[in-house]
Protein backbone atom coordinates (compact mmCIF):
# COMPACT_ATOMS: atom_id res chain seq x y z
CA UNK A 1 -0.10 0.09 -0.06
CA UNK A 2 2.85 2.48 1.02
CA UNK A 3 4.09 1.55 -2.60
CA UNK A 4 0.88 2.19 -4.15
CA UNK A 5 0.64 5.67 -2.64
CA UNK A 6 4.17 6.80 -3.41
CA UNK A 7 3.27 5.99 -6.91
CA UNK A 8 0.02 7.92 -6.86
CA UNK A 9 1.84 10.89 -5.29
CA UNK A 10 4.43 11.18 -8.06
CA UNK A 11 1.44 11.14 -10.82
CA UNK A 12 -0.10 13.77 -8.96
CA UNK A 13 2.35 16.30 -9.32
CA UNK A 14 2.10 16.20 -13.02
CA UNK A 15 -1.68 17.23 -13.09
CA UNK A 16 -2.54 20.96 -13.47
CA UNK A 17 -4.93 20.71 -10.41
CA UNK A 18 -2.39 20.01 -8.03
CA UNK A 19 -0.30 23.24 -8.88
CA UNK A 20 -3.83 25.29 -8.89
CA UNK A 21 -3.96 24.73 -5.22
CA UNK A 22 -0.27 25.34 -4.47
CA UNK A 23 0.38 28.64 -6.35
CA UNK A 24 3.89 29.10 -4.70
CA UNK A 25 4.74 25.83 -6.47
CA UNK A 26 3.09 26.87 -9.74
CA UNK A 27 4.90 30.56 -9.68
CA UNK A 28 8.59 28.22 -8.96
CA UNK A 29 7.34 26.15 -12.20
CA UNK A 30 6.58 29.21 -14.27
CA UNK A 31 9.96 30.87 -13.36
CA UNK A 32 11.59 27.43 -14.21
CA UNK A 33 10.14 27.26 -17.33
CA UNK A 34 10.89 30.66 -18.59
CA UNK A 35 14.57 30.08 -17.41
CA UNK A 36 15.05 26.95 -19.52
CA UNK A 37 13.24 28.63 -22.51
CA UNK A 38 15.39 31.89 -22.30
CA UNK A 39 18.92 29.33 -22.18
CA UNK A 40 17.47 27.33 -25.28
CA UNK A 41 16.69 30.47 -26.88
CA UNK A 42 19.79 32.07 -26.02
CA UNK A 43 21.94 28.92 -27.57
CA UNK A 44 20.01 29.13 -30.59
CA UNK A 45 20.69 32.46 -31.16
CA UNK A 46 24.58 32.13 -30.54
CA UNK A 47 24.50 29.20 -33.08
CA UNK A 48 23.03 31.36 -35.80
CA UNK A 49 24.96 33.88 -34.90
CA UNK A 50 28.35 32.01 -34.92
CA UNK A 51 27.33 30.34 -38.22
CA UNK A 52 26.37 33.60 -39.73
CA UNK A 53 30.03 34.96 -38.72
CA UNK A 54 31.57 31.81 -40.00
CA UNK A 55 29.83 32.04 -43.32
CA UNK A 56 31.24 35.89 -43.56
CA UNK A 57 34.80 34.98 -42.54
CA UNK A 58 34.69 32.46 -45.40
CA UNK A 59 33.49 34.65 -47.96
CA UNK A 60 36.43 37.22 -46.66
CA UNK A 61 38.53 34.54 -47.15
CA UNK A 62 37.83 33.49 -50.09
CA UNK A 63 37.98 37.29 -51.59
CA UNK A 64 41.59 37.17 -50.05
CA UNK A 65 42.49 34.09 -51.79
CA UNK A 66 41.04 35.43 -55.20
CA UNK A 67 42.98 38.74 -54.58
CA UNK A 68 46.23 36.93 -53.76
CA UNK A 69 45.81 34.55 -56.84
CA UNK A 70 45.32 38.02 -59.06
CA UNK A 71 48.59 39.63 -57.61
CA UNK A 72 50.42 36.13 -58.10
CA UNK A 73 49.08 36.03 -61.45
CA UNK A 74 50.16 39.40 -62.49
CA UNK A 75 53.83 38.73 -61.75
CA UNK A 76 54.18 41.74 -59.14
CA UNK A 77 55.98 41.43 -55.76
CA UNK A 78 52.78 40.39 -53.70
CA UNK A 79 53.53 42.05 -50.48
CA UNK A 80 54.14 45.66 -52.03
CA UNK A 81 50.98 44.97 -53.79
CA UNK A 82 49.09 44.52 -50.31
CA UNK A 83 50.86 47.33 -48.89
CA UNK A 84 49.65 49.59 -51.81
CA UNK A 85 45.96 48.14 -51.60
CA UNK A 86 45.88 48.72 -47.93
CA UNK A 87 47.30 52.44 -48.23
CA UNK A 88 44.71 53.03 -50.78
CA UNK A 89 41.95 51.63 -48.55
CA UNK A 90 43.08 54.07 -45.94
CA UNK A 91 42.75 56.93 -48.30
CA UNK A 92 39.07 56.25 -48.92
CA UNK A 93 37.53 59.31 -47.02
CA UNK A 94 34.39 61.73 -47.30
CA UNK A 95 34.21 63.71 -49.84
CA UNK A 96 36.11 67.19 -48.63
CA UNK A 97 33.47 69.96 -48.99
CA UNK A 98 36.50 72.26 -50.55
CA UNK A 99 36.94 69.52 -53.11
CA UNK A 100 33.20 69.65 -54.01
CA UNK A 101 33.36 73.20 -54.49
CA UNK A 102 36.32 73.17 -56.78
CA UNK A 103 34.94 70.21 -58.85
CA UNK A 104 31.82 72.04 -59.35
CA UNK A 105 33.98 74.97 -60.59
CA UNK A 106 36.08 73.16 -62.89
CA UNK A 107 32.56 71.71 -64.16
CA UNK A 108 30.94 74.91 -64.94
CA UNK A 109 33.98 75.72 -66.78
CA UNK A 110 33.70 72.77 -69.06
CA UNK A 111 30.00 73.74 -69.56
CA UNK A 112 31.37 77.19 -70.40
CA UNK A 113 33.83 75.56 -72.89
CA UNK A 114 31.28 73.00 -74.52
CA UNK A 115 28.48 75.50 -74.81
CA UNK A 116 30.58 77.89 -76.58
CA UNK A 117 31.69 75.34 -78.93
CA UNK A 118 28.13 74.19 -79.49
CA UNK A 119 26.92 77.48 -80.11
CA UNK A 120 29.51 78.52 -82.33
CA UNK A 121 31.07 75.73 -84.05
CA UNK A 122 28.98 72.43 -83.53
CA UNK A 123 30.16 69.85 -85.67
CA UNK A 124 33.49 71.26 -86.74
CA UNK A 125 36.98 70.31 -85.37
CA UNK A 126 37.71 73.13 -83.15
CA UNK A 127 36.25 76.90 -81.66
CA UNK A 128 37.67 79.89 -82.53
CA UNK A 129 36.30 81.76 -79.80
CA UNK A 130 37.29 85.30 -80.53
CA UNK A 131 35.95 85.00 -84.30
CA UNK A 132 33.21 82.98 -82.65
CA UNK A 133 33.56 80.31 -85.64
CA UNK A 134 34.47 76.73 -86.03
CA UNK A 135 37.82 75.55 -87.82
CA UNK A 136 38.36 72.08 -89.35
CA UNK A 137 41.81 71.56 -87.92
CA UNK A 138 41.49 67.65 -88.35
CA UNK A 139 39.84 67.17 -91.67
CA UNK A 140 36.34 67.65 -90.22
CA UNK A 141 35.99 64.57 -88.01
CA UNK A 142 34.22 66.51 -85.22
CA UNK A 143 37.42 66.36 -82.86
CA UNK A 144 36.02 68.63 -80.14
CA UNK A 145 32.91 66.47 -79.60
CA UNK A 146 34.71 63.08 -79.78
CA UNK A 147 37.55 64.39 -77.81
CA UNK A 148 34.88 65.59 -74.88
CA UNK A 149 32.90 62.49 -74.90
CA UNK A 150 34.07 60.99 -71.99
CA UNK A 151 34.49 64.01 -70.17
CA UNK A 152 30.92 64.91 -70.36
CA UNK A 153 30.34 61.37 -69.29
CA UNK A 154 32.34 61.53 -66.08
CA UNK A 155 31.08 64.86 -65.17
CA UNK A 156 27.58 63.97 -65.50
CA UNK A 157 26.62 66.20 -68.01
CA UNK A 158 23.90 63.64 -69.56
CA UNK A 159 21.95 65.82 -71.93
CA UNK A 160 25.13 67.09 -73.54
CA UNK A 161 26.47 63.46 -73.68
CA UNK A 162 23.39 62.62 -75.39
CA UNK A 163 23.42 65.34 -78.17
CA UNK A 164 26.94 64.46 -78.83
CA UNK A 165 26.47 60.73 -78.92
CA UNK A 166 23.44 61.54 -81.42
CA UNK A 167 25.84 63.46 -83.45
CA UNK A 168 28.21 60.57 -83.52
CA UNK A 169 25.59 58.11 -84.71
CA UNK A 170 24.06 60.16 -87.25
CA UNK A 171 27.03 62.81 -88.77
CA UNK A 172 30.38 61.68 -88.00
CA UNK A 173 31.60 60.73 -91.31
CA UNK A 174 35.07 59.51 -91.70
CA UNK A 175 35.02 59.40 -95.70
CA UNK A 176 37.19 62.35 -96.35
CA UNK A 177 39.77 63.34 -98.75
CA UNK A 178 41.87 64.67 -96.09
CA UNK A 179 45.56 63.60 -95.16
CA UNK A 180 44.87 62.45 -91.49
CA UNK A 181 47.89 62.24 -88.91
CA UNK A 182 47.70 58.69 -87.70
CA UNK A 183 48.99 59.74 -84.24
CA UNK A 184 46.25 62.62 -83.99
CA UNK A 185 43.45 60.55 -85.07
CA UNK A 186 44.60 57.32 -83.10
CA UNK A 187 44.52 59.13 -79.74
CA UNK A 188 41.67 61.71 -79.94
CA UNK A 189 39.15 59.59 -82.64
CA UNK A 190 39.96 56.12 -81.83
CA UNK A 191 40.96 56.64 -78.11
CA UNK A 192 37.65 59.05 -77.44
CA UNK A 193 35.47 56.82 -78.93
CA UNK A 194 36.61 53.76 -77.13
CA UNK A 195 36.68 55.58 -73.85
CA UNK A 196 33.20 56.51 -74.44
CA UNK A 197 32.39 52.71 -75.48
CA UNK A 198 33.94 51.58 -72.05
CA UNK A 199 31.91 54.20 -70.24
CA UNK A 200 28.60 54.30 -71.65
CA UNK A 201 28.70 50.49 -73.14
CA UNK A 202 26.81 51.97 -76.29
CA UNK A 203 27.77 50.10 -79.45
CA UNK A 204 27.59 52.95 -81.61
CA UNK A 205 31.24 54.07 -80.27
CA UNK A 206 32.95 50.76 -81.05
CA UNK A 207 31.53 50.87 -84.52
CA UNK A 208 32.62 54.03 -85.37
CA UNK A 209 36.28 53.12 -83.79
CA UNK A 210 36.65 50.26 -85.84
CA UNK A 211 35.33 52.32 -89.00
CA UNK A 212 38.47 54.94 -88.70
CA UNK A 213 40.91 52.44 -87.49
CA UNK A 214 40.20 50.45 -90.48
CA UNK A 215 41.26 53.40 -92.64
CA UNK A 216 44.25 54.14 -90.45
CA UNK A 217 45.81 50.41 -90.99
CA UNK A 218 47.54 50.84 -94.27
CA UNK A 219 49.74 53.21 -92.67
CA UNK A 220 51.42 50.09 -91.03
CA UNK A 221 52.34 48.74 -94.24
CA UNK A 222 55.90 49.44 -94.74
CA UNK A 223 58.73 46.85 -95.07
CA UNK A 224 59.73 47.43 -91.34
CA UNK A 225 55.92 47.54 -89.93
CA UNK A 226 56.99 51.42 -88.90
CA UNK A 227 53.97 53.15 -89.78
CA UNK A 228 54.02 56.18 -91.94
CA UNK A 229 52.53 59.08 -90.14
CA UNK A 230 49.69 60.25 -92.31
CA UNK A 231 47.26 58.69 -94.36
CA UNK A 232 44.35 60.06 -96.88
CA UNK A 233 41.32 58.60 -95.30
CA UNK A 234 39.25 58.72 -98.51
CA UNK A 235 42.05 57.29 -100.62
CA UNK A 236 44.23 55.18 -98.05
CA UNK A 237 47.33 56.35 -99.36
CA UNK A 238 50.12 56.44 -96.56
CA UNK A 239 53.12 58.88 -96.45
CA UNK A 240 55.22 60.77 -94.24
CA UNK A 241 55.50 64.74 -94.17
CA UNK A 242 58.29 66.21 -96.11
CA UNK A 243 59.86 68.48 -92.96
CA UNK A 244 61.05 64.86 -91.36
CA UNK A 245 63.18 63.94 -94.65
CA UNK A 246 60.64 60.97 -95.22
CA UNK A 247 61.61 59.71 -91.66
CA UNK A 248 58.80 58.30 -89.32
CA UNK A 249 58.33 60.22 -85.82
CA UNK A 250 58.81 58.01 -82.62
CA UNK A 251 56.11 59.57 -80.84
CA UNK A 252 53.89 59.05 -83.43
CA UNK A 253 54.79 55.47 -84.44
CA UNK A 254 54.79 54.21 -80.86
CA UNK A 255 51.58 55.60 -79.25
CA UNK A 256 49.00 53.52 -80.74
CA UNK A 257 49.35 50.58 -78.61
CA UNK A 258 46.69 51.14 -75.98
CA UNK A 259 44.14 51.82 -78.54
CA UNK A 260 44.95 49.61 -81.02
CA UNK A 261 45.06 46.82 -78.24
CA UNK A 262 41.84 47.87 -76.92
CA UNK A 263 40.12 47.69 -80.36
CA UNK A 264 41.13 44.04 -80.79
CA UNK A 265 40.22 43.14 -77.14
CA UNK A 266 36.91 44.48 -77.62
CA UNK A 267 36.17 43.63 -81.24
CA UNK A 268 37.69 40.08 -81.17
CA UNK A 269 39.74 41.20 -84.30
CA UNK A 270 43.49 40.79 -83.61
CA UNK A 271 44.84 42.46 -86.74
CA UNK A 272 44.69 45.88 -84.63
CA UNK A 273 46.66 44.61 -81.99
CA UNK A 274 49.24 42.67 -83.92
CA UNK A 275 49.85 46.29 -86.19
CA UNK A 276 50.66 48.08 -83.16
CA UNK A 277 53.02 45.52 -81.30
CA UNK A 278 55.02 44.79 -84.26
CA UNK A 279 56.24 48.37 -84.07
CA UNK A 280 57.50 47.46 -80.51
CA UNK A 281 59.00 44.34 -81.82
CA UNK A 282 60.95 46.02 -84.24
CA UNK A 283 62.00 49.08 -82.04
CA UNK A 284 63.24 46.15 -79.58
CA UNK A 285 65.75 44.89 -82.63
CA UNK A 286 67.96 47.71 -82.13
CA UNK A 287 67.02 48.98 -78.33
CA UNK A 288 69.86 50.88 -76.85
CA UNK A 289 71.34 50.01 -73.44
CA UNK A 290 69.72 53.44 -72.28
CA UNK A 291 66.60 53.11 -73.71
CA UNK A 292 66.69 56.49 -75.29
CA UNK A 293 65.79 56.61 -78.83
CA UNK A 294 66.21 59.46 -81.27
CA UNK A 295 63.10 61.22 -82.49
CA UNK A 296 63.34 59.80 -86.18
CA UNK A 297 62.84 56.31 -87.25
CA UNK A 298 63.35 54.98 -91.03
CA UNK A 299 59.94 52.87 -92.14
CA UNK A 300 61.63 50.71 -94.46
CA UNK A 301 64.79 49.87 -92.23
CA UNK A 302 63.13 50.05 -88.94
CA UNK A 303 66.64 51.90 -87.54
CA UNK A 304 66.61 55.33 -85.89
CA UNK A 305 68.08 58.19 -87.52
CA UNK A 306 70.73 60.65 -86.31
CA UNK A 307 68.38 63.17 -84.26
CA UNK A 308 67.31 64.60 -81.10
CA UNK A 309 66.42 62.42 -77.95
CA UNK A 310 63.59 64.16 -75.96
CA UNK A 311 61.15 63.39 -73.41
CA UNK A 312 59.34 66.46 -75.06
CA UNK A 313 57.77 66.79 -78.67
CA UNK A 314 57.59 63.79 -81.19
CA UNK A 315 59.38 61.56 -78.36
CA UNK A 316 57.25 61.77 -75.05
CA UNK A 317 54.72 59.31 -75.51
CA UNK A 318 56.21 56.46 -77.03
CA UNK A 319 57.81 56.36 -73.52
CA UNK A 320 54.55 56.62 -71.53
CA UNK A 321 53.00 53.98 -73.27
CA UNK A 322 55.42 51.31 -72.96
CA UNK A 323 54.53 51.79 -69.00
CA UNK A 324 50.69 52.27 -69.74
CA UNK A 325 50.83 49.02 -72.08
CA UNK A 326 52.08 47.11 -69.05
CA UNK A 327 49.60 48.34 -67.12
CA UNK A 328 46.69 47.87 -69.68
CA UNK A 329 47.69 44.64 -69.75
CA UNK A 330 47.23 44.16 -65.94
CA UNK A 331 50.78 43.61 -65.29
CA UNK A 332 50.57 40.09 -66.51
CA UNK A 333 53.69 37.97 -68.06
CA UNK A 334 52.42 38.58 -71.58
CA UNK A 335 53.09 42.34 -71.01
CA UNK A 336 56.18 42.00 -68.80
CA UNK A 337 58.44 43.12 -71.91
CA UNK A 338 56.60 46.59 -72.19
CA UNK A 339 57.59 47.18 -68.58
CA UNK A 340 61.28 45.86 -68.72
CA UNK A 341 62.04 48.39 -71.78
CA UNK A 342 60.38 51.18 -69.71
CA UNK A 343 62.62 50.53 -66.89
CA UNK A 344 65.85 50.39 -69.31
CA UNK A 345 64.49 54.04 -70.58
CA UNK A 346 63.85 55.17 -67.16
CA UNK A 347 67.71 54.62 -66.64
CA UNK A 348 68.15 57.00 -69.67
CA UNK A 349 66.02 59.39 -68.16
CA UNK A 350 67.63 59.68 -65.11
CA UNK A 351 70.86 60.40 -66.82
CA UNK A 352 69.42 63.19 -68.54
CA UNK A 353 68.38 65.12 -65.57
CA UNK A 354 70.34 68.16 -63.84
CA UNK A 355 69.65 70.46 -61.21
CA UNK A 356 69.52 74.34 -61.46
CA UNK A 357 71.52 76.97 -59.53
CA UNK A 358 70.81 78.52 -57.23
CA UNK A 359 67.31 77.03 -56.76
CA UNK A 360 68.03 73.56 -57.68
CA UNK A 361 65.24 72.84 -59.83
CA UNK A 362 65.22 69.02 -61.30
CA UNK A 363 65.05 69.15 -65.23
CA UNK A 364 65.19 66.91 -68.00
CA UNK A 365 67.86 67.53 -71.00
CA UNK A 366 67.75 67.08 -74.42
CA UNK A 367 70.30 65.38 -76.24
CA UNK A 368 71.61 65.02 -79.94
CA UNK A 369 74.76 62.51 -80.19
CA UNK A 370 77.03 63.81 -77.41
CA UNK A 371 75.66 67.36 -77.31
CA UNK A 372 73.23 68.06 -74.62
CA UNK A 373 70.76 70.90 -74.45
CA UNK A 374 69.42 72.46 -71.37
CA UNK A 375 65.61 72.81 -72.79
CA UNK A 376 62.68 71.06 -71.52
CA UNK A 377 59.41 71.12 -73.18
CA UNK A 378 56.19 71.72 -71.26
CA UNK A 379 55.20 68.79 -72.91
CA UNK A 380 57.91 66.89 -70.84
CA UNK A 381 55.63 67.65 -67.64
CA UNK A 382 53.91 64.46 -68.16
CA UNK A 383 56.98 62.55 -66.89
CA UNK A 384 56.59 63.26 -63.25
CA UNK A 385 52.92 61.38 -63.50
CA UNK A 386 54.32 58.83 -65.38
CA UNK A 387 57.29 58.34 -62.81
CA UNK A 388 54.86 58.20 -60.13
CA UNK A 389 52.63 55.65 -61.52
CA UNK A 390 55.37 53.53 -62.53
CA UNK A 391 57.28 53.51 -59.46
CA UNK A 392 55.22 51.27 -57.33
CA UNK A 393 56.27 48.52 -59.94
CA UNK A 394 60.00 48.75 -58.50
CA UNK A 395 61.08 47.44 -54.66
CA UNK A 396 60.77 49.73 -51.99
CA UNK A 397 64.38 51.36 -52.40
CA UNK A 398 63.83 52.02 -56.02
CA UNK A 399 60.42 53.12 -56.05
CA UNK A 400 61.29 55.84 -53.57
CA UNK A 401 64.06 56.92 -55.87
CA UNK A 402 61.65 57.47 -58.61
CA UNK A 403 58.53 58.93 -56.56
CA UNK A 404 61.12 61.47 -55.10
CA UNK A 405 62.07 62.47 -58.81
CA UNK A 406 58.45 62.73 -59.72
CA UNK A 407 58.18 65.20 -56.83
CA UNK A 408 61.24 67.49 -57.64
CA UNK A 409 60.27 67.41 -61.60
CA UNK A 410 56.52 68.28 -60.56
CA UNK A 411 57.73 71.36 -58.52
CA UNK A 412 59.90 72.58 -61.64
CA UNK A 413 56.66 72.13 -63.83
CA UNK A 414 54.60 74.28 -61.54
CA UNK A 415 57.37 76.64 -61.22
CA UNK A 416 56.78 77.26 -65.15
CA UNK A 417 53.65 78.60 -64.42
CA UNK A 418 54.55 80.48 -61.29
CA UNK A 419 57.43 82.42 -63.32
CA UNK A 420 55.50 84.49 -65.62
CA UNK A 421 53.42 87.26 -64.84
CA UNK A 422 50.02 85.40 -66.07
CA UNK A 423 50.89 82.21 -63.96
CA UNK A 424 50.72 80.43 -67.34
CA UNK A 425 53.35 78.28 -68.66
CA UNK A 426 55.35 78.89 -71.71
CA UNK A 427 56.05 76.28 -74.44
CA UNK A 428 59.49 75.38 -73.46
CA UNK A 429 62.28 76.73 -71.02
CA UNK A 430 65.77 77.18 -71.09
CA UNK A 431 68.26 76.75 -67.78
CA UNK A 432 71.36 78.56 -67.67
CA UNK A 433 73.72 78.35 -64.82
CA UNK A 434 72.90 80.56 -62.22
CA UNK A 435 69.20 82.00 -63.65
CA UNK A 436 67.20 78.76 -62.99
CA UNK A 437 64.66 78.72 -65.82
CA UNK A 438 63.87 81.36 -68.54
CA UNK A 439 60.74 81.11 -70.91
CA UNK A 440 61.88 80.24 -74.56
CA UNK A 441 58.67 79.79 -76.75
CA UNK A 442 56.31 81.95 -75.00
CA UNK A 443 52.91 81.00 -75.72
CA UNK A 444 50.28 78.83 -73.94
CA UNK A 445 47.88 76.67 -75.93
CA UNK A 446 46.03 75.33 -72.95
CA UNK A 447 48.17 72.20 -72.58
CA UNK A 448 47.29 70.02 -69.83
CA UNK A 449 50.33 68.14 -68.83
CA UNK A 450 51.45 69.88 -65.77
CA UNK A 451 47.86 69.24 -64.33
CA UNK A 452 48.02 65.74 -65.09
CA UNK A 453 51.28 64.93 -63.43
CA UNK A 454 49.76 66.90 -60.41
CA UNK A 455 46.62 64.63 -60.43
CA UNK A 456 48.71 61.25 -60.47
CA UNK A 457 51.00 62.50 -57.44
CA UNK A 458 47.64 63.23 -55.57
CA UNK A 459 46.16 60.26 -55.98
CA UNK A 460 49.29 57.79 -55.48
CA UNK A 461 50.76 60.22 -52.38
CA UNK A 462 47.37 61.95 -51.06
CA UNK A 463 49.42 65.20 -50.81
CA UNK A 464 47.07 67.80 -50.77
CA UNK A 465 49.74 70.35 -51.76
CA UNK A 466 49.26 68.91 -55.64
CA UNK A 467 45.42 69.83 -55.44
CA UNK A 468 46.60 73.57 -54.29
CA UNK A 469 48.97 73.83 -57.33
CA UNK A 470 46.28 72.79 -59.90
CA UNK A 471 43.72 75.09 -58.31
CA UNK A 472 46.09 77.66 -58.97
CA UNK A 473 46.75 76.79 -62.37
CA UNK A 474 42.90 76.49 -62.64
CA UNK A 475 42.40 79.78 -61.75
CA UNK A 476 45.29 81.40 -64.00
CA UNK A 477 43.39 79.70 -66.75
CA UNK A 478 39.91 81.37 -65.55
CA UNK A 479 41.91 84.94 -65.28
CA UNK A 480 43.69 84.76 -68.68
CA UNK A 481 41.82 82.53 -71.18
CA UNK A 482 38.37 82.55 -70.11
CA UNK A 483 36.34 84.92 -72.64
CA UNK A 484 32.61 85.39 -73.23
CA UNK A 485 32.74 82.92 -75.77
CA UNK A 486 34.89 80.15 -74.68
CA UNK A 487 38.64 79.67 -73.46
CA UNK A 488 41.64 80.86 -75.71
CA UNK A 489 45.47 80.24 -75.49
CA UNK A 490 47.97 82.98 -75.21
CA UNK A 491 50.44 84.16 -77.88
CA UNK A 492 52.78 85.64 -75.04
CA UNK A 493 52.40 84.13 -71.35
CA UNK A 494 54.53 87.37 -70.17
CA UNK A 495 52.08 90.01 -71.68
CA UNK A 496 48.72 88.09 -71.91
CA UNK A 497 47.91 88.62 -75.54
CA UNK A 498 45.35 86.41 -76.27
CA UNK A 499 45.05 83.74 -79.46
CA UNK A 500 41.87 82.86 -81.07
CA UNK A 501 41.85 79.01 -80.46
CA UNK A 502 40.19 76.27 -78.13
CA UNK A 503 41.97 73.19 -78.91
CA UNK A 504 40.14 70.07 -78.25
CA UNK A 505 42.21 68.66 -75.69
CA UNK A 506 41.49 71.65 -73.46
CA UNK A 507 38.40 69.92 -73.08
CA UNK A 508 39.46 66.30 -73.27
CA UNK A 509 42.55 66.65 -70.91
CA UNK A 510 43.19 69.65 -69.09
CA UNK A 511 39.20 70.05 -67.66
CA UNK A 512 39.20 66.22 -67.41
CA UNK A 513 42.55 66.03 -65.30
CA UNK A 514 41.44 69.31 -63.13
CA UNK A 515 37.87 67.31 -62.43
CA UNK A 516 39.41 64.55 -61.42
CA UNK A 517 42.22 66.41 -59.16
CA UNK A 518 39.18 67.05 -56.95
CA UNK A 519 37.31 63.74 -57.10
CA UNK A 520 37.45 60.76 -54.87
CA UNK A 521 39.97 57.78 -56.02
CA UNK A 522 37.18 56.12 -56.78
CA UNK A 523 36.06 58.50 -59.85
CA UNK A 524 38.31 56.17 -62.64
CA UNK A 525 39.91 54.17 -60.46
CA UNK A 526 43.76 53.54 -61.22
CA UNK A 527 42.93 49.85 -60.37
CA UNK A 528 40.15 49.50 -63.60
CA UNK A 529 41.29 52.23 -65.89
CA UNK A 530 44.30 53.74 -67.95
CA UNK A 531 44.67 57.02 -69.62
CA UNK A 532 45.69 57.07 -73.03
CA UNK A 533 47.89 60.09 -73.98
CA UNK A 534 44.81 62.14 -74.75
CA UNK A 535 43.40 61.22 -71.31
CA UNK A 536 40.83 58.79 -72.58
CA UNK A 537 40.07 56.23 -69.94
CA UNK A 538 40.28 52.67 -70.99
CA UNK A 539 39.09 49.67 -69.24
CA UNK A 540 42.17 47.23 -67.52
CA UNK A 541 41.93 43.54 -68.97
CA UNK A 542 44.24 41.26 -68.11
CA UNK A 543 46.54 39.77 -71.22
CA UNK A 544 46.94 36.13 -70.70
CA UNK A 545 48.35 35.53 -74.60
CA UNK A 546 51.98 34.13 -74.52
CA UNK A 547 54.60 36.44 -76.47
CA UNK A 548 57.06 34.79 -78.66
CA UNK A 549 59.96 33.02 -76.95
CA UNK A 550 58.68 33.93 -73.68
CA UNK A 551 60.00 37.25 -73.43
CA UNK A 552 58.02 38.77 -76.33
CA UNK A 553 60.63 39.71 -79.40
CA UNK A 554 62.36 36.66 -81.07
CA UNK A 555 65.01 36.64 -78.79
CA UNK A 556 66.86 39.39 -80.33
CA UNK A 557 68.18 40.94 -76.83
CA UNK A 558 68.01 39.71 -73.51
CA UNK A 559 66.55 42.44 -71.40
CA UNK A 560 66.85 42.07 -67.58
CA UNK A 561 64.72 39.45 -65.99
CA UNK A 562 63.16 41.40 -63.58
CA UNK A 563 59.46 42.23 -63.33
CA UNK A 564 58.43 44.58 -61.24
CA UNK A 565 52.67 63.38 -77.76
CA UNK A 566 52.31 63.55 -76.78
CA UNK A 567 50.92 65.51 -79.46
CA UNK A 568 53.83 66.01 -81.73
CA UNK A 569 54.79 69.57 -80.81
CA UNK A 570 51.46 71.26 -82.14
CA UNK A 571 52.31 75.02 -82.77
CA UNK A 572 49.10 75.99 -83.90
CA UNK A 573 48.12 79.48 -82.47
């Protein structure tokens, strides 16, 4: 009986009525239930949070593994690239209100230049602001429209971009009986159209780029593959200008790689890339130990002629494209020969640098044989930006050496501007012992090179001094070059007398670089884009194709096994 009562007592405690008669026990049971529920819920929550955190960590690990693989595939120094990546991430900061204000001022200046062209010269190559008319300096290819496409797009001037696109689609006609500069047409028209295509993804730009490139291709049909520098767009007859004595110009012949490689990549047709890269292959056969080439090349033999060596007019952009073709190919092994040739040429550049007295301005000399000329073109002021851009491909010691040189040269170029009454630079400068610098040719045609270098140095160092210098140059343009009907150059930077031409590159380059100088790094990021010599950004696409004999050039010369135009001296005025 006792066992039966004990059993009944246990079962009774499970019946609800038992607790209704004993409220204290009911309260204790309820509290116990709540506690157990909270413990179980908390445990499940922690488990879910743990699973989510593990998932996030796995995703981050996968990203880092992919980045590491990309860096290894690019052939670069992994540790240096990681440091560089970390540095760039640290520089992602909020948009400075002063930058926003200055950027808007530059945008307004661009709009003034564009609307003036639109009003007085629409469809023609360039505007003559003082006489308020257009002029076809490039055979009537609408150079200012094509050159401005990407600037309009980047600045968010959508209405203006759409109107320009409509003109390209319906009115741009290359069937012209005109002897075009292969170089100028490539960097302005092919480059401008390809950049507009990369930015907008509108195929009308790619179709037009292919059309004009096909008309230029016969210029490369020479015994050496070194192109003639002029060609009739209608008849297809290539030739060189008489004043070169039948020779081809170094910068004109070696500054089509970015555009033609990009065109082959976008169309899937290798012929454009092959023509442009054959030039580098031919030049490589006799590439000198110091990497410095005279400005004239024989298109029949491929040999250089006895002539000036310069980083200014007719030499400049050849060296620029050696570096940028490597960047365009995402620094893979397939384009390593470009980097190697560029590094050799930079040793040559260093050998041409000297300092003035008494102010120690660093400058780049010109050379003819054994004779050195203490002259530097404003065109050569692209070099600081090029050196800064290429410095990261070296080891730490060499990288700092070239970055320091870039900064010293930029200071000199800025002083080209500051040394004149108008605060605008002349076309070239001479350096005499004890006199620092003096203006040689004293015109200013709205060139972009110094601003270009300030933009690169700002992006790569974060030093706001370069923004201040750029702003000072912009203000000098506003004061001296802006008129009611556009912008003009100066016939003389000392007197301020104005000319009557708004160069298309003022909208394509000078305005764009000024705008980007005050824009966040994410606007046309160096990780995704490379600029051609007319400031047209092209998408970086990895090159995996293997060059001949793994070094690229038929084994004619063993380069060091390390893997780490501009505008042909335009004189229009």
